[in-house]
Amino acid sequence: MIGKYRRRRSSPLLYGALCSFLIAGCGGSEEGSEEQQTLSAGPRYVDGTSLVRPLDYREWTFVGSGLGLTYEGETTSPEDEPPIFTSVFVNPSSHRAFMESGVWPNDTVFVLELRDSQTAAAPNRGGRFQGELVGLEAEVKDSRFPDGWAFFDFGRGSDLSDLKEVATPLSGAAAAPCVQCHTEETAVERTFVQFYPTLLEVARQKGTLKPGFRDGG
């Protein structure tokens, strides 16, 4: 999911990289107040595995973005559907840890924000800029999950108030394409660091690129 997005109208959109958040309280703790959530540095859960939507993920570390990315077996959006912007954020403490080690620590949270792209605003004459919110997704590295990672979909909507406050981890057929893509196509662990240029350079320096990853740098 994080970094990768396939436009669909109903089912979860966590199809690739990933697709990051400031949640309340201590990392990995249970549900708390909204005031606490603005102080958190990692995931917060309800019932042990359901992720609480981070309140101010846009104050987290921005790691990369894409516009209309397509992949093998996919096609570009129809002309009446403008390409989607994807922006990826990661909790600051995990970003600091990655900069030091080239690997993601436990309790790392990524948020993938999806927005329409627009052209109609002065003084723009040709390029695209981000427009209304489309949806929000997340990827978490946490040892409480069977293989150490989980994917979440907070739904679709043009405002954060339209989204779920809590999301259960994707499972079965909904999670399968996420797991496959994040296992086979990612540069570092299950993350698309190849789409995040400053982090890719860190991974090269630390020697943490996955064996067999085709690094074009």
N, C-alpha and C. Protein backbone atom coordinates (compact mmCIF):
# COMPACT_ATOMS: atom_id res chain seq x y z
N MET A 1 0.79 -1.19 0.00
CA MET A 1 0.00 0.00 0.00
C MET A 1 0.83 1.24 0.00
N ILE A 2 1.80 1.32 0.90
CA ILE A 2 2.47 2.58 1.07
C ILE A 2 3.32 2.93 -0.13
N GLY A 3 2.89 3.93 -0.85
CA GLY A 3 3.58 4.39 -2.03
C GLY A 3 2.91 3.90 -3.30
N LYS A 4 2.03 2.92 -3.17
CA LYS A 4 1.45 2.31 -4.35
C LYS A 4 -0.06 2.32 -4.21
N TYR A 5 -0.77 2.65 -5.28
CA TYR A 5 -2.22 2.77 -5.19
C TYR A 5 -2.87 2.30 -6.47
N ARG A 6 -3.89 1.47 -6.33
CA ARG A 6 -4.70 1.09 -7.48
C ARG A 6 -6.10 1.65 -7.28
N ARG A 7 -6.59 2.42 -8.26
CA ARG A 7 -7.91 3.03 -8.12
C ARG A 7 -8.98 1.94 -8.19
N ARG A 8 -9.79 1.83 -7.13
CA ARG A 8 -10.94 0.94 -7.12
C ARG A 8 -12.07 1.69 -6.44
N ARG A 9 -13.29 1.29 -6.70
CA ARG A 9 -14.41 2.08 -6.20
C ARG A 9 -15.01 1.53 -4.92
N SER A 10 -14.65 0.33 -4.50
CA SER A 10 -15.30 -0.21 -3.32
C SER A 10 -14.34 -0.94 -2.41
N SER A 11 -13.67 -1.99 -2.90
CA SER A 11 -12.84 -2.81 -2.04
C SER A 11 -11.61 -2.05 -1.59
N PRO A 12 -10.91 -2.51 -0.52
CA PRO A 12 -9.76 -1.80 0.02
C PRO A 12 -8.70 -1.53 -1.03
N LEU A 13 -8.02 -0.37 -0.88
CA LEU A 13 -7.08 0.06 -1.89
C LEU A 13 -5.64 -0.19 -1.49
N LEU A 14 -5.42 -0.98 -0.45
CA LEU A 14 -4.07 -1.25 -0.01
C LEU A 14 -3.45 -2.30 -0.91
N TYR A 15 -3.08 -1.94 -2.14
CA TYR A 15 -2.58 -2.94 -3.08
C TYR A 15 -1.07 -2.95 -3.19
N GLY A 16 -0.37 -2.04 -2.59
CA GLY A 16 1.07 -2.08 -2.72
C GLY A 16 1.72 -1.35 -1.57
N ALA A 17 2.68 -0.55 -1.89
CA ALA A 17 3.48 0.02 -0.85
C ALA A 17 2.76 0.87 0.17
N LEU A 18 2.73 1.28 0.24
CA LEU A 18 2.41 1.79 1.20
C LEU A 18 2.79 2.56 1.03
N CYS A 19 1.62 2.43 1.74
CA CYS A 19 1.24 2.98 2.00
C CYS A 19 1.40 3.21 3.09
N SER A 20 1.12 6.47 6.96
CA SER A 20 1.91 6.82 8.10
C SER A 20 1.28 7.88 8.99
N PHE A 21 1.52 8.40 11.02
CA PHE A 21 0.41 8.87 11.87
C PHE A 21 0.88 9.23 13.27
N LEU A 22 0.23 10.21 13.87
CA LEU A 22 0.51 10.58 15.25
C LEU A 22 -0.66 10.12 16.08
N ILE A 23 -0.50 9.02 16.83
CA ILE A 23 -1.60 8.45 17.60
C ILE A 23 -1.37 8.67 19.08
N ALA A 24 -2.43 8.52 19.88
CA ALA A 24 -2.35 8.86 21.28
C ALA A 24 -1.54 7.91 22.13
N GLY A 25 -0.96 8.43 23.18
CA GLY A 25 -0.33 7.60 24.19
C GLY A 25 0.96 6.98 23.72
N CYS A 26 1.37 5.89 24.40
CA CYS A 26 2.61 5.19 24.08
C CYS A 26 2.41 4.27 22.90
N GLY A 27 3.48 3.99 22.15
CA GLY A 27 3.39 3.08 21.03
C GLY A 27 2.88 1.73 21.47
N GLY A 28 1.89 1.18 20.70
CA GLY A 28 1.38 -0.14 20.98
C GLY A 28 0.43 -0.19 22.15
N SER A 29 0.02 0.94 22.70
CA SER A 29 -0.88 0.94 23.85
C SER A 29 -2.33 0.90 23.39
N GLU A 30 -3.25 0.84 24.36
CA GLU A 30 -4.66 0.77 24.02
C GLU A 30 -5.27 2.15 23.88
N GLU A 31 -6.56 2.23 23.64
CA GLU A 31 -7.25 3.45 23.28
C GLU A 31 -7.15 4.50 24.38
N GLY A 32 -7.03 5.80 23.98
CA GLY A 32 -6.95 6.88 24.94
C GLY A 32 -7.65 8.11 24.41
N SER A 33 -7.42 9.25 25.04
CA SER A 33 -8.10 10.48 24.67
C SER A 33 -7.48 11.08 23.42
N GLU A 34 -8.24 12.02 22.77
CA GLU A 34 -7.72 12.68 21.59
C GLU A 34 -6.52 13.54 21.94
N GLU A 35 -6.51 14.13 23.14
CA GLU A 35 -5.38 14.94 23.55
C GLU A 35 -4.13 14.09 23.64
N GLN A 36 -4.24 12.88 24.18
CA GLN A 36 -3.10 11.98 24.25
C GLN A 36 -2.64 11.57 22.86
N GLN A 37 -3.58 11.39 21.93
CA GLN A 37 -3.25 10.89 20.61
C GLN A 37 -2.29 11.82 19.88
N THR A 38 -2.36 13.11 20.14
CA THR A 38 -1.48 14.04 19.45
C THR A 38 -0.05 13.92 19.93
N LEU A 39 0.21 13.17 21.02
CA LEU A 39 1.55 13.06 21.58
C LEU A 39 2.23 11.74 21.25
N SER A 40 1.52 10.84 20.60
CA SER A 40 2.05 9.50 20.40
C SER A 40 3.09 9.44 19.29
N ALA A 41 3.96 8.42 19.36
CA ALA A 41 4.98 8.23 18.33
C ALA A 41 4.82 6.89 17.63
N GLY A 42 3.76 6.18 17.86
CA GLY A 42 3.60 4.87 17.24
C GLY A 42 2.15 4.45 17.19
N PRO A 43 1.89 3.18 16.88
CA PRO A 43 0.51 2.72 16.70
C PRO A 43 -0.26 2.65 18.01
N ARG A 44 -1.56 2.88 17.90
CA ARG A 44 -2.46 2.73 19.04
C ARG A 44 -3.61 1.86 18.60
N TYR A 45 -4.01 0.91 19.45
CA TYR A 45 -4.97 -0.10 19.07
C TYR A 45 -6.20 -0.12 19.97
N VAL A 46 -7.27 -0.64 19.41
CA VAL A 46 -8.46 -1.02 20.15
C VAL A 46 -8.59 -2.54 20.00
N ASP A 47 -8.91 -3.22 21.06
CA ASP A 47 -9.06 -4.67 21.03
C ASP A 47 -7.79 -5.38 20.57
N GLY A 48 -6.65 -4.78 20.81
CA GLY A 48 -5.39 -5.46 20.57
C GLY A 48 -4.80 -5.31 19.18
N THR A 49 -5.63 -5.28 18.13
CA THR A 49 -5.09 -5.24 16.76
C THR A 49 -5.77 -4.23 15.84
N SER A 50 -6.87 -3.61 16.25
CA SER A 50 -7.56 -2.63 15.41
C SER A 50 -6.90 -1.26 15.60
N LEU A 51 -6.43 -0.70 14.51
CA LEU A 51 -5.63 0.52 14.57
C LEU A 51 -6.49 1.77 14.67
N VAL A 52 -6.17 2.63 15.63
CA VAL A 52 -6.84 3.92 15.76
C VAL A 52 -6.24 4.87 14.72
N ARG A 53 -7.11 5.53 13.97
CA ARG A 53 -6.63 6.46 12.94
C ARG A 53 -5.86 7.60 13.57
N PRO A 54 -4.62 7.83 13.14
CA PRO A 54 -3.83 8.93 13.68
C PRO A 54 -4.51 10.27 13.40
N LEU A 55 -4.50 11.15 14.39
CA LEU A 55 -5.21 12.41 14.24
C LEU A 55 -4.46 13.44 13.42
N ASP A 56 -3.15 13.51 13.61
CA ASP A 56 -2.40 14.56 12.90
C ASP A 56 -1.16 13.97 12.23
N TYR A 57 -1.40 12.95 11.41
CA TYR A 57 -0.31 12.31 10.67
C TYR A 57 0.43 13.28 9.78
N ARG A 58 -0.23 14.39 9.38
CA ARG A 58 0.45 15.36 8.51
C ARG A 58 1.53 16.14 9.24
N GLU A 59 1.65 15.96 10.55
CA GLU A 59 2.76 16.53 11.30
C GLU A 59 3.90 15.52 11.43
N TRP A 60 3.71 14.33 10.88
CA TRP A 60 4.75 13.32 10.88
C TRP A 60 5.74 13.60 9.75
N THR A 61 6.74 12.74 9.61
CA THR A 61 7.76 12.92 8.59
C THR A 61 7.23 12.48 7.23
N PHE A 62 7.29 13.40 6.28
CA PHE A 62 6.88 13.11 4.91
C PHE A 62 8.05 12.41 4.22
N VAL A 63 7.80 11.24 3.59
CA VAL A 63 8.90 10.49 2.98
C VAL A 63 8.83 10.42 1.46
N GLY A 64 7.65 10.62 0.86
CA GLY A 64 7.59 10.56 -0.59
C GLY A 64 6.18 10.68 -1.11
N SER A 65 6.06 10.87 -2.44
CA SER A 65 4.75 10.98 -3.08
C SER A 65 4.82 10.46 -4.50
N GLY A 66 3.66 10.18 -5.06
CA GLY A 66 3.58 9.73 -6.44
C GLY A 66 2.34 10.29 -7.09
N LEU A 67 2.32 10.29 -8.41
CA LEU A 67 1.16 10.77 -9.16
C LEU A 67 0.83 9.77 -10.26
N GLY A 68 -0.32 9.12 -10.13
CA GLY A 68 -0.79 8.22 -11.17
C GLY A 68 0.10 7.03 -11.41
N LEU A 69 0.76 6.51 -10.38
CA LEU A 69 1.64 5.36 -10.55
C LEU A 69 0.84 4.14 -11.03
N THR A 70 1.38 3.44 -12.01
CA THR A 70 0.76 2.20 -12.49
C THR A 70 1.83 1.11 -12.50
N TYR A 71 1.36 -0.14 -12.51
CA TYR A 71 2.27 -1.27 -12.37
C TYR A 71 1.90 -2.36 -13.36
N GLU A 72 2.72 -3.38 -13.42
CA GLU A 72 2.50 -4.48 -14.35
C GLU A 72 1.08 -5.03 -14.23
N GLY A 73 0.40 -5.15 -15.38
CA GLY A 73 -0.96 -5.67 -15.37
C GLY A 73 -2.01 -4.62 -15.12
N GLU A 74 -1.59 -3.37 -14.87
CA GLU A 74 -2.55 -2.30 -14.64
C GLU A 74 -2.53 -1.36 -15.83
N THR A 75 -3.55 -0.53 -15.92
CA THR A 75 -3.64 0.47 -16.98
C THR A 75 -3.80 1.84 -16.35
N THR A 76 -3.51 2.86 -17.11
CA THR A 76 -3.69 4.21 -16.62
C THR A 76 -5.17 4.51 -16.44
N SER A 77 -5.47 5.55 -15.65
CA SER A 77 -6.85 5.92 -15.40
C SER A 77 -7.51 6.41 -16.68
N PRO A 78 -8.82 6.18 -16.85
CA PRO A 78 -9.53 6.74 -17.99
C PRO A 78 -9.40 8.26 -18.00
N GLU A 79 -9.61 8.86 -19.17
CA GLU A 79 -9.43 10.30 -19.29
C GLU A 79 -10.34 11.08 -18.36
N ASP A 80 -11.52 10.51 -18.02
CA ASP A 80 -12.44 11.23 -17.14
C ASP A 80 -12.09 11.02 -15.67
N GLU A 81 -11.02 10.27 -15.37
CA GLU A 81 -10.56 10.07 -14.01
C GLU A 81 -9.13 10.58 -13.89
N PRO A 82 -8.94 11.76 -13.31
CA PRO A 82 -7.59 12.30 -13.19
C PRO A 82 -6.72 11.41 -12.31
N PRO A 83 -5.40 11.40 -12.53
CA PRO A 83 -4.52 10.56 -11.72
C PRO A 83 -4.56 10.96 -10.25
N ILE A 84 -4.31 9.96 -9.41
CA ILE A 84 -4.35 10.17 -7.96
C ILE A 84 -2.96 10.50 -7.43
N PHE A 85 -2.91 11.49 -6.53
CA PHE A 85 -1.70 11.76 -5.76
C PHE A 85 -1.67 10.85 -4.54
N THR A 86 -0.52 10.24 -4.26
CA THR A 86 -0.33 9.50 -3.02
C THR A 86 0.82 10.15 -2.25
N SER A 87 0.61 10.39 -0.97
CA SER A 87 1.65 10.95 -0.11
C SER A 87 1.83 10.04 1.09
N VAL A 88 3.08 9.78 1.46
CA VAL A 88 3.39 8.83 2.52
C VAL A 88 4.06 9.55 3.69
N PHE A 89 3.54 9.26 4.89
CA PHE A 89 4.07 9.83 6.13
C PHE A 89 4.43 8.69 7.07
N VAL A 90 5.49 8.88 7.89
CA VAL A 90 5.89 7.87 8.86
C VAL A 90 6.09 8.54 10.21
N ASN A 91 5.81 7.80 11.29
CA ASN A 91 5.96 8.40 12.61
C ASN A 91 7.41 8.82 12.85
N PRO A 92 7.63 10.00 13.44
CA PRO A 92 8.98 10.58 13.51
C PRO A 92 10.02 9.71 14.21
N SER A 93 9.66 9.03 15.28
CA SER A 93 10.66 8.23 15.99
C SER A 93 11.17 7.09 15.12
N SER A 94 10.30 6.49 14.32
CA SER A 94 10.74 5.42 13.42
C SER A 94 11.60 5.97 12.29
N HIS A 95 11.27 7.16 11.82
CA HIS A 95 12.10 7.78 10.79
C HIS A 95 13.50 8.04 11.33
N ARG A 96 13.61 8.54 12.55
CA ARG A 96 14.93 8.78 13.14
C ARG A 96 15.71 7.48 13.26
N ALA A 97 15.02 6.41 13.68
CA ALA A 97 15.69 5.11 13.82
C ALA A 97 16.18 4.60 12.47
N PHE A 98 15.37 4.80 11.42
CA PHE A 98 15.78 4.35 10.09
C PHE A 98 17.00 5.13 9.62
N MET A 99 17.04 6.41 9.86
CA MET A 99 18.17 7.22 9.44
C MET A 99 19.46 6.76 10.09
N GLU A 100 19.36 6.17 11.27
CA GLU A 100 20.55 5.70 12.00
C GLU A 100 20.95 4.28 11.61
N SER A 101 19.95 3.44 11.26
CA SER A 101 20.24 2.01 11.08
C SER A 101 19.91 1.46 9.69
N GLY A 102 19.03 2.14 8.96
CA GLY A 102 18.60 1.63 7.67
C GLY A 102 17.54 0.56 7.75
N VAL A 103 16.98 0.32 8.93
CA VAL A 103 15.88 -0.64 9.10
C VAL A 103 14.79 0.03 9.93
N TRP A 104 13.57 -0.50 9.81
CA TRP A 104 12.44 0.05 10.54
C TRP A 104 12.27 -0.65 11.88
N PRO A 105 12.13 0.09 12.97
CA PRO A 105 11.94 -0.54 14.28
C PRO A 105 10.51 -1.05 14.45
N ASN A 106 10.32 -1.88 15.46
CA ASN A 106 8.97 -2.30 15.81
C ASN A 106 8.14 -1.05 16.15
N ASP A 107 6.85 -1.11 15.88
CA ASP A 107 5.93 0.02 16.11
C ASP A 107 6.09 1.14 15.10
N THR A 108 6.59 0.81 13.92
CA THR A 108 6.63 1.79 12.83
C THR A 108 5.24 1.87 12.19
N VAL A 109 4.79 3.08 11.92
CA VAL A 109 3.49 3.30 11.29
C VAL A 109 3.66 4.19 10.05
N PHE A 110 3.15 3.73 8.93
CA PHE A 110 3.10 4.52 7.70
C PHE A 110 1.65 4.89 7.41
N VAL A 111 1.44 6.09 6.93
CA VAL A 111 0.11 6.50 6.45
C VAL A 111 0.23 6.84 4.97
N LEU A 112 -0.68 6.30 4.19
CA LEU A 112 -0.78 6.63 2.78
C LEU A 112 -2.03 7.47 2.58
N GLU A 113 -1.82 8.73 2.20
CA GLU A 113 -2.92 9.65 1.95
C GLU A 113 -3.17 9.74 0.45
N LEU A 114 -4.43 9.56 0.04
CA LEU A 114 -4.82 9.60 -1.36
C LEU A 114 -5.60 10.88 -1.63
N ARG A 115 -5.19 11.61 -2.66
CA ARG A 115 -5.89 12.85 -3.02
C ARG A 115 -6.05 12.94 -4.54
N ASP A 116 -7.17 13.53 -4.96
CA ASP A 116 -7.36 13.82 -6.37
C ASP A 116 -6.30 14.81 -6.83
N SER A 117 -5.98 14.76 -8.11
CA SER A 117 -5.12 15.78 -8.70
C SER A 117 -5.99 16.76 -9.48
N GLN A 118 -5.61 18.02 -9.43
CA GLN A 118 -6.40 19.07 -10.07
C GLN A 118 -5.51 19.97 -10.91
N THR A 119 -6.16 20.73 -11.81
CA THR A 119 -5.43 21.66 -12.67
C THR A 119 -6.02 23.07 -12.66
N ALA A 120 -7.29 23.18 -12.26
CA ALA A 120 -8.02 24.44 -12.42
C ALA A 120 -7.85 25.38 -11.24
N ALA A 121 -6.74 26.10 -11.23
CA ALA A 121 -6.52 27.15 -10.23
C ALA A 121 -5.43 28.07 -10.75
N ALA A 122 -5.65 29.38 -10.66
CA ALA A 122 -4.65 30.35 -11.10
C ALA A 122 -3.45 30.29 -10.15
N PRO A 123 -2.25 30.47 -10.66
CA PRO A 123 -1.90 30.79 -12.05
C PRO A 123 -1.48 29.54 -12.84
N ASN A 124 -1.91 28.37 -12.43
CA ASN A 124 -1.48 27.14 -13.10
C ASN A 124 -1.88 27.13 -14.57
N ARG A 125 -0.96 26.66 -15.42
CA ARG A 125 -1.24 26.58 -16.86
C ARG A 125 -1.00 25.18 -17.42
N GLY A 126 -0.47 24.27 -16.60
CA GLY A 126 -0.20 22.97 -17.18
C GLY A 126 -0.05 21.82 -16.21
N GLY A 127 0.55 22.04 -15.06
CA GLY A 127 0.82 20.97 -14.13
C GLY A 127 -0.38 20.59 -13.28
N ARG A 128 -0.18 19.66 -12.37
CA ARG A 128 -1.23 19.21 -11.47
C ARG A 128 -0.82 19.44 -10.02
N PHE A 129 -1.82 19.66 -9.17
CA PHE A 129 -1.58 19.84 -7.74
C PHE A 129 -2.61 19.01 -6.98
N GLN A 130 -2.36 18.82 -5.69
CA GLN A 130 -3.24 17.98 -4.89
C GLN A 130 -4.57 18.67 -4.61
N GLY A 131 -5.65 17.87 -4.68
CA GLY A 131 -6.98 18.39 -4.43
C GLY A 131 -7.63 17.71 -3.24
N GLU A 132 -8.89 17.32 -3.41
CA GLU A 132 -9.65 16.77 -2.30
C GLU A 132 -9.14 15.41 -1.86
N LEU A 133 -9.34 15.14 -0.59
CA LEU A 133 -9.00 13.84 -0.03
C LEU A 133 -9.82 12.75 -0.71
N VAL A 134 -9.19 11.60 -0.97
CA VAL A 134 -9.88 10.45 -1.53
C VAL A 134 -9.98 9.33 -0.49
N GLY A 135 -8.92 9.11 0.25
CA GLY A 135 -8.94 8.03 1.24
C GLY A 135 -7.65 8.00 2.04
N LEU A 136 -7.60 7.07 3.00
CA LEU A 136 -6.46 6.96 3.90
C LEU A 136 -6.22 5.49 4.22
N GLU A 137 -4.95 5.08 4.15
CA GLU A 137 -4.57 3.70 4.43
C GLU A 137 -3.34 3.69 5.31
N ALA A 138 -3.00 2.54 5.86
CA ALA A 138 -1.87 2.46 6.76
C ALA A 138 -1.18 1.11 6.66
N GLU A 139 0.09 1.11 6.99
CA GLU A 139 0.89 -0.10 7.13
C GLU A 139 1.64 0.01 8.45
N VAL A 140 1.67 -1.08 9.21
CA VAL A 140 2.29 -1.07 10.53
C VAL A 140 3.26 -2.24 10.66
N LYS A 141 4.43 -1.98 11.20
CA LYS A 141 5.36 -3.05 11.58
C LYS A 141 5.22 -3.24 13.08
N ASP A 142 4.72 -4.40 13.48
CA ASP A 142 4.47 -4.66 14.90
C ASP A 142 4.52 -6.17 15.12
N SER A 143 5.30 -6.60 16.08
CA SER A 143 5.49 -8.03 16.34
C SER A 143 4.22 -8.71 16.83
N ARG A 144 3.18 -7.97 17.17
CA ARG A 144 1.93 -8.60 17.60
C ARG A 144 1.20 -9.28 16.44
N PHE A 145 1.55 -8.91 15.20
CA PHE A 145 0.90 -9.52 14.05
C PHE A 145 1.67 -10.76 13.61
N PRO A 146 0.98 -11.75 13.02
CA PRO A 146 1.60 -13.05 12.72
C PRO A 146 2.92 -12.98 11.96
N ASP A 147 3.01 -12.13 10.93
CA ASP A 147 4.27 -12.04 10.20
C ASP A 147 4.98 -10.71 10.43
N GLY A 148 4.54 -9.98 11.47
CA GLY A 148 5.23 -8.75 11.85
C GLY A 148 4.76 -7.48 11.17
N TRP A 149 3.84 -7.61 10.19
CA TRP A 149 3.34 -6.44 9.48
C TRP A 149 1.83 -6.57 9.31
N ALA A 150 1.14 -5.42 9.18
CA ALA A 150 -0.30 -5.44 8.93
C ALA A 150 -0.68 -4.21 8.11
N PHE A 151 -1.80 -4.35 7.37
CA PHE A 151 -2.29 -3.29 6.50
C PHE A 151 -3.71 -2.91 6.93
N PHE A 152 -4.03 -1.62 6.81
CA PHE A 152 -5.31 -1.10 7.27
C PHE A 152 -5.88 -0.13 6.25
N ASP A 153 -7.21 -0.12 6.15
CA ASP A 153 -7.91 0.79 5.24
C ASP A 153 -8.94 1.56 6.05
N PHE A 154 -8.77 2.89 6.11
CA PHE A 154 -9.70 3.73 6.86
C PHE A 154 -10.86 4.22 6.00
N GLY A 155 -10.92 3.77 4.75
CA GLY A 155 -12.06 4.08 3.92
C GLY A 155 -11.83 5.25 2.98
N ARG A 156 -12.91 5.64 2.31
CA ARG A 156 -12.88 6.69 1.31
C ARG A 156 -13.74 7.87 1.75
N GLY A 157 -13.36 9.06 1.36
CA GLY A 157 -14.14 10.24 1.70
C GLY A 157 -13.38 11.50 1.37
N SER A 158 -14.09 12.60 1.22
CA SER A 158 -13.46 13.87 0.88
C SER A 158 -13.07 14.69 2.10
N ASP A 159 -13.31 14.12 3.30
CA ASP A 159 -12.96 14.80 4.54
C ASP A 159 -12.57 13.73 5.56
N LEU A 160 -11.66 14.08 6.47
CA LEU A 160 -11.24 13.10 7.47
C LEU A 160 -12.41 12.61 8.30
N SER A 161 -13.43 13.44 8.47
CA SER A 161 -14.59 13.03 9.26
C SER A 161 -15.38 11.92 8.57
N ASP A 162 -15.16 11.73 7.27
CA ASP A 162 -15.84 10.66 6.54
C ASP A 162 -15.19 9.30 6.75
N LEU A 163 -13.98 9.29 7.30
CA LEU A 163 -13.21 8.06 7.42
C LEU A 163 -13.49 7.33 8.73
N LYS A 164 -13.13 6.06 8.76
CA LYS A 164 -13.26 5.28 9.99
C LYS A 164 -12.29 5.81 11.04
N GLU A 165 -12.73 5.79 12.28
CA GLU A 165 -11.83 6.17 13.36
C GLU A 165 -10.93 5.01 13.76
N VAL A 166 -11.41 3.79 13.53
CA VAL A 166 -10.66 2.58 13.86
C VAL A 166 -10.79 1.61 12.69
N ALA A 167 -9.68 0.97 12.31
CA ALA A 167 -9.71 0.01 11.20
C ALA A 167 -9.13 -1.32 11.65
N THR A 168 -9.76 -2.41 11.25
CA THR A 168 -9.24 -3.73 11.54
C THR A 168 -8.19 -4.10 10.50
N PRO A 169 -7.22 -4.94 10.85
CA PRO A 169 -6.20 -5.32 9.87
C PRO A 169 -6.81 -6.11 8.71
N LEU A 170 -6.37 -5.83 7.52
CA LEU A 170 -6.83 -6.59 6.37
C LEU A 170 -6.39 -8.04 6.52
N SER A 171 -7.22 -8.95 6.04
CA SER A 171 -6.91 -10.37 6.15
C SER A 171 -7.42 -11.11 4.92
N GLY A 172 -7.02 -12.35 4.77
CA GLY A 172 -7.50 -13.18 3.68
C GLY A 172 -7.22 -12.58 2.31
N ALA A 173 -8.23 -12.65 1.44
CA ALA A 173 -8.07 -12.17 0.07
C ALA A 173 -7.79 -10.68 0.00
N ALA A 174 -8.31 -9.91 0.97
CA ALA A 174 -8.07 -8.47 0.97
C ALA A 174 -6.61 -8.13 1.24
N ALA A 175 -5.96 -8.94 2.07
CA ALA A 175 -4.57 -8.67 2.43
C ALA A 175 -3.57 -9.32 1.48
N ALA A 176 -3.99 -10.38 0.80
CA ALA A 176 -3.06 -11.18 -0.01
C ALA A 176 -2.25 -10.37 -1.02
N PRO A 177 -2.89 -9.49 -1.83
CA PRO A 177 -2.08 -8.73 -2.80
C PRO A 177 -1.12 -7.76 -2.13
N CYS A 178 -1.50 -7.22 -0.96
CA CYS A 178 -0.60 -6.32 -0.22
C CYS A 178 0.64 -7.09 0.23
N VAL A 179 0.40 -8.26 0.83
CA VAL A 179 1.51 -9.06 1.34
C VAL A 179 2.43 -9.49 0.20
N GLN A 180 1.84 -9.94 -0.90
CA GLN A 180 2.65 -10.40 -2.02
C GLN A 180 3.52 -9.28 -2.58
N CYS A 181 2.90 -8.13 -2.83
CA CYS A 181 3.63 -7.02 -3.43
C CYS A 181 4.71 -6.49 -2.48
N HIS A 182 4.35 -6.38 -1.20
CA HIS A 182 5.30 -5.86 -0.22
C HIS A 182 6.40 -6.85 0.10
N THR A 183 6.20 -8.09 -0.24
CA THR A 183 7.23 -9.10 -0.04
C THR A 183 8.17 -9.19 -1.23
N GLU A 184 7.60 -9.12 -2.45
CA GLU A 184 8.37 -9.38 -3.66
C GLU A 184 8.98 -8.14 -4.30
N GLU A 185 8.38 -6.97 -4.09
CA GLU A 185 8.76 -5.81 -4.87
C GLU A 185 9.42 -4.68 -4.08
N THR A 186 9.56 -4.82 -2.79
CA THR A 186 10.05 -3.73 -1.95
C THR A 186 11.57 -3.72 -1.82
N ALA A 187 12.12 -2.55 -1.53
CA ALA A 187 13.57 -2.39 -1.42
C ALA A 187 14.10 -2.71 -0.03
N VAL A 188 13.35 -2.35 1.00
CA VAL A 188 13.80 -2.57 2.38
C VAL A 188 12.64 -3.18 3.17
N GLU A 189 12.86 -4.37 3.69
CA GLU A 189 11.82 -5.08 4.42
C GLU A 189 10.54 -5.11 3.56
N ARG A 190 9.43 -4.64 4.12
CA ARG A 190 8.18 -4.62 3.35
C ARG A 190 7.78 -3.19 2.99
N THR A 191 8.75 -2.37 2.70
CA THR A 191 8.47 -0.97 2.38
C THR A 191 9.12 -0.57 1.06
N PHE A 192 8.44 0.30 0.33
CA PHE A 192 8.89 0.74 -0.98
C PHE A 192 9.85 1.92 -0.87
N VAL A 193 10.97 1.66 -0.23
CA VAL A 193 11.97 2.71 -0.04
C VAL A 193 12.51 3.21 -1.38
N GLN A 194 12.38 2.41 -2.44
CA GLN A 194 12.83 2.87 -3.76
C GLN A 194 12.06 4.09 -4.23
N PHE A 195 10.89 4.36 -3.64
CA PHE A 195 10.11 5.54 -3.99
C PHE A 195 10.40 6.73 -3.08
N TYR A 196 11.27 6.55 -2.09
CA TYR A 196 11.58 7.60 -1.11
C TYR A 196 13.07 7.91 -1.22
N PRO A 197 13.47 8.85 -2.07
CA PRO A 197 14.88 9.01 -2.45
C PRO A 197 15.84 9.25 -1.30
N THR A 198 15.46 10.03 -0.30
CA THR A 198 16.40 10.27 0.80
C THR A 198 16.60 9.00 1.63
N LEU A 199 15.55 8.19 1.78
CA LEU A 199 15.68 6.95 2.55
C LEU A 199 16.42 5.89 1.74
N LEU A 200 16.26 5.90 0.43
CA LEU A 200 16.97 4.94 -0.41
C LEU A 200 18.47 5.13 -0.28
N GLU A 201 18.92 6.36 -0.23
CA GLU A 201 20.34 6.60 -0.06
C GLU A 201 20.84 6.09 1.28
N VAL A 202 20.03 6.24 2.33
CA VAL A 202 20.40 5.71 3.64
C VAL A 202 20.53 4.20 3.59
N ALA A 203 19.57 3.54 2.95
CA ALA A 203 19.61 2.08 2.84
C ALA A 203 20.85 1.61 2.08
N ARG A 204 21.23 2.34 1.05
CA ARG A 204 22.46 2.00 0.33
C ARG A 204 23.67 2.11 1.25
N GLN A 205 23.75 3.20 1.99
CA GLN A 205 24.89 3.42 2.87
C GLN A 205 24.97 2.39 3.99
N LYS A 206 23.80 1.98 4.50
CA LYS A 206 23.76 1.04 5.62
C LYS A 206 23.78 -0.42 5.16
N GLY A 207 23.65 -0.64 3.86
CA GLY A 207 23.67 -2.00 3.34
C GLY A 207 22.43 -2.80 3.69
N THR A 208 21.27 -2.14 3.74
CA THR A 208 20.04 -2.83 4.16
C THR A 208 19.06 -3.07 3.02
N LEU A 209 19.47 -2.81 1.78
CA LEU A 209 18.62 -3.17 0.66
C LEU A 209 18.46 -4.68 0.61
N LYS A 210 17.28 -5.17 0.25
CA LYS A 210 17.03 -6.60 0.22
C LYS A 210 17.90 -7.28 -0.83
N PRO A 211 18.39 -8.47 -0.52
CA PRO A 211 19.16 -9.22 -1.53
C PRO A 211 18.32 -9.42 -2.79
N GLY A 212 18.91 -9.16 -3.93
CA GLY A 212 18.19 -9.33 -5.18
C GLY A 212 17.44 -8.09 -5.64
N PHE A 213 17.34 -7.06 -4.77
CA PHE A 213 16.67 -5.85 -5.20
C PHE A 213 17.49 -5.17 -6.29
N ARG A 214 16.85 -4.79 -7.39
CA ARG A 214 17.54 -4.17 -8.50
C ARG A 214 17.62 -2.66 -8.26
N ASP A 215 18.73 -2.22 -7.73
CA ASP A 215 18.93 -0.82 -7.39
C ASP A 215 19.49 -0.09 -8.62
N GLY A 216 18.71 0.86 -9.12
CA GLY A 216 19.13 1.58 -10.31
C GLY A 216 20.05 2.73 -10.04
N GLY A 217 20.38 2.98 -8.74
CA GLY A 217 21.20 4.13 -8.41
C GLY A 217 22.68 3.92 -8.64
